[in-house]
PDB file of all heavy atoms in Angstrom:
ATOM      1  N   GLU A   1      -3.735  -6.814  11.721  1.00  0.00           N
ATOM      2  CA  GLU A   1      -2.452  -7.315  11.212  1.00  0.00           C
ATOM      3  C   GLU A   1      -2.585  -7.795   9.770  1.00  0.00           C
ATOM      4  O   GLU A   1      -1.696  -7.574   8.934  1.00  0.00           O
ATOM      5  CB  GLU A   1      -1.945  -8.441  12.113  1.00  0.00           C
ATOM      6  CG  GLU A   1      -1.478  -7.956  13.493  1.00  0.00           C
ATOM      7  CD  GLU A   1      -1.122  -9.099  14.416  1.00  0.00           C
ATOM      8  OE1 GLU A   1      -1.523 -10.247  14.122  1.00  0.00           O
ATOM      9  OE2 GLU A   1      -0.458  -8.843  15.448  1.00  0.00           O
ATOM     10  N   ALA A   2      -3.706  -8.457   9.468  1.00  0.00           N
ATOM     11  CA  ALA A   2      -3.941  -8.907   8.094  1.00  0.00           C
ATOM     12  C   ALA A   2      -4.099  -7.712   7.157  1.00  0.00           C
ATOM     13  O   ALA A   2      -3.567  -7.698   6.036  1.00  0.00           O
ATOM     14  CB  ALA A   2      -5.180  -9.797   8.045  1.00  0.00           C
ATOM     15  N   ASP A   3      -4.825  -6.682   7.636  1.00  0.00           N
ATOM     16  CA  ASP A   3      -4.989  -5.469   6.824  1.00  0.00           C
ATOM     17  C   ASP A   3      -3.651  -4.781   6.598  1.00  0.00           C
ATOM     18  O   ASP A   3      -3.384  -4.260   5.506  1.00  0.00           O
ATOM     19  CB  ASP A   3      -5.954  -4.500   7.523  1.00  0.00           C
ATOM     20  CG  ASP A   3      -7.395  -4.990   7.502  1.00  0.00           C
ATOM     21  OD1 ASP A   3      -7.699  -5.876   6.678  1.00  0.00           O
ATOM     22  OD2 ASP A   3      -8.200  -4.493   8.317  1.00  0.00           O
ATOM     23  N   TYR A   4      -2.795  -4.770   7.630  1.00  0.00           N
ATOM     24  CA  TYR A   4      -1.483  -4.133   7.511  1.00  0.00           C
ATOM     25  C   TYR A   4      -0.657  -4.822   6.421  1.00  0.00           C
ATOM     26  O   TYR A   4      -0.046  -4.162   5.577  1.00  0.00           O
ATOM     27  CB  TYR A   4      -0.747  -4.201   8.849  1.00  0.00           C
ATOM     28  CG  TYR A   4       0.473  -3.319   8.936  1.00  0.00           C
ATOM     29  CD1 TYR A   4       0.412  -2.070   9.549  1.00  0.00           C
ATOM     30  CD2 TYR A   4       1.694  -3.716   8.396  1.00  0.00           C
ATOM     31  CE1 TYR A   4       1.527  -1.244   9.627  1.00  0.00           C
ATOM     32  CE2 TYR A   4       2.812  -2.903   8.454  1.00  0.00           C
ATOM     33  CZ  TYR A   4       2.720  -1.668   9.076  1.00  0.00           C
ATOM     34  OH  TYR A   4       3.832  -0.857   9.128  1.00  0.00           O
ATOM     35  N   ASP A   5      -0.633  -6.168   6.440  1.00  0.00           N
ATOM     36  CA  ASP A   5       0.131  -6.913   5.426  1.00  0.00           C
ATOM     37  C   ASP A   5      -0.422  -6.661   4.027  1.00  0.00           C
ATOM     38  O   ASP A   5       0.338  -6.513   3.055  1.00  0.00           O
ATOM     39  CB  ASP A   5       0.091  -8.409   5.745  1.00  0.00           C
ATOM     40  CG  ASP A   5       0.852  -8.749   7.019  1.00  0.00           C
ATOM     41  OD1 ASP A   5       1.714  -7.941   7.416  1.00  0.00           O
ATOM     42  OD2 ASP A   5       0.575  -9.805   7.619  1.00  0.00           O
ATOM     43  N   ARG A   6      -1.757  -6.586   3.926  1.00  0.00           N
ATOM     44  CA  ARG A   6      -2.382  -6.369   2.617  1.00  0.00           C
ATOM     45  C   ARG A   6      -2.016  -4.991   2.062  1.00  0.00           C
ATOM     46  O   ARG A   6      -1.633  -4.864   0.888  1.00  0.00           O
ATOM     47  CB  ARG A   6      -3.901  -6.498   2.743  1.00  0.00           C
ATOM     48  CG  ARG A   6      -4.676  -6.157   1.471  1.00  0.00           C
ATOM     49  CD  ARG A   6      -6.167  -6.279   1.695  1.00  0.00           C
ATOM     50  NE  ARG A   6      -6.625  -5.482   2.821  1.00  0.00           N
ATOM     51  CZ  ARG A   6      -6.819  -4.163   2.759  1.00  0.00           C
ATOM     52  NH1 ARG A   6      -6.574  -3.497   1.625  1.00  0.00           N
ATOM     53  NH2 ARG A   6      -7.256  -3.492   3.818  1.00  0.00           N
ATOM     54  N   VAL A   7      -2.109  -3.960   2.910  1.00  0.00           N
ATOM     55  CA  VAL A   7      -1.809  -2.601   2.454  1.00  0.00           C
ATOM     56  C   VAL A   7      -0.306  -2.426   2.202  1.00  0.00           C
ATOM     57  O   VAL A   7       0.099  -1.755   1.250  1.00  0.00           O
ATOM     58  CB  VAL A   7      -2.297  -1.568   3.489  1.00  0.00           C
ATOM     59  CG1 VAL A   7      -1.921  -0.158   3.064  1.00  0.00           C
ATOM     60  CG2 VAL A   7      -3.807  -1.676   3.668  1.00  0.00           C
ATOM     61  N   ALA A   8       0.522  -3.050   3.044  1.00  0.00           N
ATOM     62  CA  ALA A   8       1.973  -2.938   2.858  1.00  0.00           C
ATOM     63  C   ALA A   8       2.408  -3.535   1.528  1.00  0.00           C
ATOM     64  O   ALA A   8       3.381  -3.088   0.918  1.00  0.00           O
ATOM     65  CB  ALA A   8       2.702  -3.619   4.006  1.00  0.00           C
ATOM     66  N   ALA A   9       1.664  -4.559   1.072  1.00  0.00           N
ATOM     67  CA  ALA A   9       1.998  -5.191  -0.205  1.00  0.00           C
ATOM     68  C   ALA A   9       1.867  -4.197  -1.358  1.00  0.00           C
ATOM     69  O   ALA A   9       2.593  -4.295  -2.363  1.00  0.00           O
ATOM     70  CB  ALA A   9       1.097  -6.398  -0.430  1.00  0.00           C
ATOM     71  N   VAL A  10       0.979  -3.215  -1.217  1.00  0.00           N
ATOM     72  CA  VAL A  10       0.821  -2.196  -2.255  1.00  0.00           C
ATOM     73  C   VAL A  10       2.097  -1.362  -2.365  1.00  0.00           C
ATOM     74  O   VAL A  10       2.540  -1.011  -3.467  1.00  0.00           O
ATOM     75  CB  VAL A  10      -0.389  -1.291  -1.933  1.00  0.00           C
ATOM     76  CG1 VAL A  10      -0.498  -0.164  -2.955  1.00  0.00           C
ATOM     77  CG2 VAL A  10      -1.669  -2.110  -1.897  1.00  0.00           C
ATOM     78  N   LEU A  11       2.703  -1.041  -1.230  1.00  0.00           N
ATOM     79  CA  LEU A  11       3.939  -0.259  -1.239  1.00  0.00           C
ATOM     80  C   LEU A  11       5.105  -1.045  -1.821  1.00  0.00           C
ATOM     81  O   LEU A  11       6.025  -0.471  -2.416  1.00  0.00           O
ATOM     82  CB  LEU A  11       4.272   0.206   0.179  1.00  0.00           C
ATOM     83  CG  LEU A  11       3.257   1.120   0.872  1.00  0.00           C
ATOM     84  CD1 LEU A  11       3.722   1.447   2.288  1.00  0.00           C
ATOM     85  CD2 LEU A  11       3.055   2.394   0.082  1.00  0.00           C
ATOM     86  N   GLU A  12       5.074  -2.365  -1.625  1.00  0.00           N
ATOM     87  CA  GLU A  12       6.176  -3.204  -2.122  1.00  0.00           C
ATOM     88  C   GLU A  12       6.042  -3.493  -3.615  1.00  0.00           C
ATOM     89  O   GLU A  12       7.016  -3.871  -4.263  1.00  0.00           O
ATOM     90  CB  GLU A  12       6.205  -4.515  -1.340  1.00  0.00           C
ATOM     91  CG  GLU A  12       6.495  -4.330   0.145  1.00  0.00           C
ATOM     92  CD  GLU A  12       6.389  -5.636   0.918  1.00  0.00           C
ATOM     93  OE1 GLU A  12       6.097  -6.664   0.285  1.00  0.00           O
ATOM     94  OE2 GLU A  12       6.602  -5.610   2.140  1.00  0.00           O
ATOM     95  N   ASP A  13       4.832  -3.327  -4.134  1.00  0.00           N
ATOM     96  CA  ASP A  13       4.588  -3.630  -5.548  1.00  0.00           C
ATOM     97  C   ASP A  13       5.126  -2.497  -6.419  1.00  0.00           C
ATOM     98  O   ASP A  13       4.696  -1.343  -6.316  1.00  0.00           O
ATOM     99  CB  ASP A  13       3.085  -3.808  -5.770  1.00  0.00           C
ATOM    100  CG  ASP A  13       2.785  -4.315  -7.178  1.00  0.00           C
ATOM    101  OD1 ASP A  13       3.721  -4.406  -8.006  1.00  0.00           O
ATOM    102  OD2 ASP A  13       1.606  -4.622  -7.449  1.00  0.00           O
ATOM    103  N   GLU A  14       6.074  -2.805  -7.277  1.00  0.00           N
ATOM    104  CA  GLU A  14       6.683  -1.787  -8.130  1.00  0.00           C
ATOM    105  C   GLU A  14       5.700  -1.218  -9.146  1.00  0.00           C
ATOM    106  O   GLU A  14       5.920  -0.138  -9.709  1.00  0.00           O
ATOM    107  CB  GLU A  14       7.904  -2.369  -8.853  1.00  0.00           C
ATOM    108  CG  GLU A  14       9.030  -2.778  -7.916  1.00  0.00           C
ATOM    109  CD  GLU A  14      10.222  -3.348  -8.665  1.00  0.00           C
ATOM    110  OE1 GLU A  14      10.116  -3.491  -9.906  1.00  0.00           O
ATOM    111  OE2 GLU A  14      11.238  -3.648  -8.009  1.00  0.00           O
ATOM    112  N   ASP A  15       4.609  -1.952  -9.425  1.00  0.00           N
ATOM    113  CA  ASP A  15       3.636  -1.501 -10.414  1.00  0.00           C
ATOM    114  C   ASP A  15       2.587  -0.559  -9.831  1.00  0.00           C
ATOM    115  O   ASP A  15       1.726  -0.054 -10.560  1.00  0.00           O
ATOM    116  CB  ASP A  15       2.927  -2.715 -11.038  1.00  0.00           C
ATOM    117  CG  ASP A  15       3.908  -3.599 -11.823  1.00  0.00           C
ATOM    118  OD1 ASP A  15       4.882  -3.034 -12.375  1.00  0.00           O
ATOM    119  OD2 ASP A  15       3.700  -4.822 -11.875  1.00  0.00           O
ATOM    120  N   SER A  16       2.605  -0.326  -8.515  1.00  0.00           N
ATOM    121  CA  SER A  16       1.628   0.562  -7.890  1.00  0.00           C
ATOM    122  C   SER A  16       1.878   2.001  -8.340  1.00  0.00           C
ATOM    123  O   SER A  16       3.030   2.453  -8.389  1.00  0.00           O
ATOM    124  CB  SER A  16       1.718   0.473  -6.369  1.00  0.00           C
ATOM    125  OG  SER A  16       1.444  -0.848  -5.925  1.00  0.00           O
ATOM    126  N   ASP A  17       0.783   2.705  -8.676  1.00  0.00           N
ATOM    127  CA  ASP A  17       0.959   4.106  -9.087  1.00  0.00           C
ATOM    128  C   ASP A  17       0.999   5.010  -7.862  1.00  0.00           C
ATOM    129  O   ASP A  17       0.779   4.563  -6.733  1.00  0.00           O
ATOM    130  CB  ASP A  17      -0.151   4.533 -10.044  1.00  0.00           C
ATOM    131  CG  ASP A  17      -1.546   4.377  -9.440  1.00  0.00           C
ATOM    132  OD1 ASP A  17      -1.689   4.566  -8.209  1.00  0.00           O
ATOM    133  OD2 ASP A  17      -2.491   4.060 -10.185  1.00  0.00           O
ATOM    134  N   GLU A  18       1.288   6.294  -8.092  1.00  0.00           N
ATOM    135  CA  GLU A  18       1.464   7.237  -6.989  1.00  0.00           C
ATOM    136  C   GLU A  18       0.207   7.400  -6.157  1.00  0.00           C
ATOM    137  O   GLU A  18       0.261   7.532  -4.931  1.00  0.00           O
ATOM    138  CB  GLU A  18       1.905   8.598  -7.536  1.00  0.00           C
ATOM    139  CG  GLU A  18       3.299   8.595  -8.149  1.00  0.00           C
ATOM    140  CD  GLU A  18       3.730   9.976  -8.592  1.00  0.00           C
ATOM    141  OE1 GLU A  18       2.948  10.928  -8.381  1.00  0.00           O
ATOM    142  OE2 GLU A  18       4.841  10.098  -9.143  1.00  0.00           O
ATOM    143  N   GLU A  19      -0.960   7.376  -6.799  1.00  0.00           N
ATOM    144  CA  GLU A  19      -2.214   7.535  -6.063  1.00  0.00           C
ATOM    145  C   GLU A  19      -2.446   6.356  -5.128  1.00  0.00           C
ATOM    146  O   GLU A  19      -2.870   6.532  -3.974  1.00  0.00           O
ATOM    147  CB  GLU A  19      -3.368   7.681  -7.050  1.00  0.00           C
ATOM    148  CG  GLU A  19      -4.711   7.951  -6.375  1.00  0.00           C
ATOM    149  CD  GLU A  19      -5.830   8.179  -7.380  1.00  0.00           C
ATOM    150  OE1 GLU A  19      -5.524   8.420  -8.566  1.00  0.00           O
ATOM    151  OE2 GLU A  19      -7.003   8.103  -6.974  1.00  0.00           O
ATOM    152  N   GLU A  20      -2.167   5.140  -5.628  1.00  0.00           N
ATOM    153  CA  GLU A  20      -2.333   3.942  -4.796  1.00  0.00           C
ATOM    154  C   GLU A  20      -1.353   3.959  -3.620  1.00  0.00           C
ATOM    155  O   GLU A  20      -1.708   3.589  -2.493  1.00  0.00           O
ATOM    156  CB  GLU A  20      -2.112   2.685  -5.647  1.00  0.00           C
ATOM    157  CG  GLU A  20      -3.208   2.404  -6.653  1.00  0.00           C
ATOM    158  CD  GLU A  20      -2.883   1.212  -7.534  1.00  0.00           C
ATOM    159  OE1 GLU A  20      -1.678   1.025  -7.857  1.00  0.00           O
ATOM    160  OE2 GLU A  20      -3.808   0.475  -7.897  1.00  0.00           O
ATOM    161  N   ILE A  21      -0.122   4.390  -3.875  1.00  0.00           N
ATOM    162  CA  ILE A  21       0.888   4.441  -2.805  1.00  0.00           C
ATOM    163  C   ILE A  21       0.489   5.459  -1.745  1.00  0.00           C
ATOM    164  O   ILE A  21       0.581   5.195  -0.542  1.00  0.00           O
ATOM    165  CB  ILE A  21       2.265   4.791  -3.399  1.00  0.00           C
ATOM    166  CG1 ILE A  21       2.773   3.624  -4.262  1.00  0.00           C
ATOM    167  CG2 ILE A  21       3.264   5.120  -2.299  1.00  0.00           C
ATOM    168  CD1 ILE A  21       4.065   3.917  -4.991  1.00  0.00           C
ATOM    169  N   ALA A  22       0.032   6.641  -2.164  1.00  0.00           N
ATOM    170  CA  ALA A  22      -0.375   7.662  -1.202  1.00  0.00           C
ATOM    171  C   ALA A  22      -1.537   7.174  -0.350  1.00  0.00           C
ATOM    172  O   ALA A  22      -1.572   7.384   0.872  1.00  0.00           O
ATOM    173  CB  ALA A  22      -0.755   8.944  -1.946  1.00  0.00           C
ATOM    174  N   LYS A  23      -2.523   6.509  -0.985  1.00  0.00           N
ATOM    175  CA  LYS A  23      -3.667   5.976  -0.245  1.00  0.00           C
ATOM    176  C   LYS A  23      -3.213   4.899   0.740  1.00  0.00           C
ATOM    177  O   LYS A  23      -3.668   4.859   1.898  1.00  0.00           O
ATOM    178  CB  LYS A  23      -4.687   5.400  -1.225  1.00  0.00           C
ATOM    179  CG  LYS A  23      -5.921   4.809  -0.546  1.00  0.00           C
ATOM    180  CD  LYS A  23      -6.890   4.202  -1.568  1.00  0.00           C
ATOM    181  CE  LYS A  23      -8.086   3.565  -0.861  1.00  0.00           C
ATOM    182  NZ  LYS A  23      -9.018   2.940  -1.839  1.00  0.00           N
ATOM    183  N   ALA A  24      -2.280   4.024   0.307  1.00  0.00           N
ATOM    184  CA  ALA A  24      -1.782   2.954   1.182  1.00  0.00           C
ATOM    185  C   ALA A  24      -1.046   3.524   2.385  1.00  0.00           C
ATOM    186  O   ALA A  24      -1.184   3.025   3.505  1.00  0.00           O
ATOM    187  CB  ALA A  24      -0.859   2.025   0.392  1.00  0.00           C
ATOM    188  N   GLU A  25      -0.269   4.575   2.175  1.00  0.00           N
ATOM    189  CA  GLU A  25       0.464   5.188   3.288  1.00  0.00           C
ATOM    190  C   GLU A  25      -0.488   5.767   4.321  1.00  0.00           C
ATOM    191  O   GLU A  25      -0.263   5.652   5.525  1.00  0.00           O
ATOM    192  CB  GLU A  25       1.409   6.273   2.760  1.00  0.00           C
ATOM    193  CG  GLU A  25       2.603   5.708   1.985  1.00  0.00           C
ATOM    194  CD  GLU A  25       3.476   6.797   1.405  1.00  0.00           C
ATOM    195  OE1 GLU A  25       2.989   7.953   1.277  1.00  0.00           O
ATOM    196  OE2 GLU A  25       4.648   6.511   1.068  1.00  0.00           O
ATOM    197  N   ARG A  26      -1.583   6.401   3.845  1.00  0.00           N
ATOM    198  CA  ARG A  26      -2.568   6.943   4.779  1.00  0.00           C
ATOM    199  C   ARG A  26      -3.261   5.823   5.557  1.00  0.00           C
ATOM    200  O   ARG A  26      -3.504   5.944   6.762  1.00  0.00           O
ATOM    201  CB  ARG A  26      -3.604   7.778   4.014  1.00  0.00           C
ATOM    202  CG  ARG A  26      -3.057   9.086   3.444  1.00  0.00           C
ATOM    203  CD  ARG A  26      -4.193  10.000   2.999  1.00  0.00           C
ATOM    204  NE  ARG A  26      -4.988   9.396   1.919  1.00  0.00           N
ATOM    205  CZ  ARG A  26      -4.737   9.526   0.624  1.00  0.00           C
ATOM    206  NH1 ARG A  26      -3.695  10.251   0.220  1.00  0.00           N
ATOM    207  NH2 ARG A  26      -5.513   8.967  -0.282  1.00  0.00           N
ATOM    208  N   GLU A  27      -3.591   4.727   4.864  1.00  0.00           N
ATOM    209  CA  GLU A  27      -4.250   3.601   5.527  1.00  0.00           C
ATOM    210  C   GLU A  27      -3.331   2.963   6.569  1.00  0.00           C
ATOM    211  O   GLU A  27      -3.795   2.563   7.647  1.00  0.00           O
ATOM    212  CB  GLU A  27      -4.676   2.557   4.488  1.00  0.00           C
ATOM    213  CG  GLU A  27      -5.822   2.998   3.599  1.00  0.00           C
ATOM    214  CD  GLU A  27      -6.218   1.914   2.607  1.00  0.00           C
ATOM    215  OE1 GLU A  27      -5.623   0.809   2.669  1.00  0.00           O
ATOM    216  OE2 GLU A  27      -7.103   2.158   1.778  1.00  0.00           O
ATOM    217  N   LEU A  28      -2.044   2.871   6.265  1.00  0.00           N
ATOM    218  CA  LEU A  28      -1.106   2.265   7.218  1.00  0.00           C
ATOM    219  C   LEU A  28      -1.029   3.078   8.504  1.00  0.00           C
ATOM    220  O   LEU A  28      -0.899   2.519   9.594  1.00  0.00           O
ATOM    221  CB  LEU A  28       0.295   2.149   6.590  1.00  0.00           C
ATOM    222  CG  LEU A  28       0.514   1.004   5.610  1.00  0.00           C
ATOM    223  CD1 LEU A  28       1.940   1.020   5.086  1.00  0.00           C
ATOM    224  CD2 LEU A  28       0.231  -0.341   6.270  1.00  0.00           C
TER     225      LEU A  28
END
């Protein structure tokens, strides 16, 4: 659950680039 919140924060961050978002989606 802690990992989920941490990775989800990457998707919510407007400054995240496309590579970071794609990696976060796979991790979720």
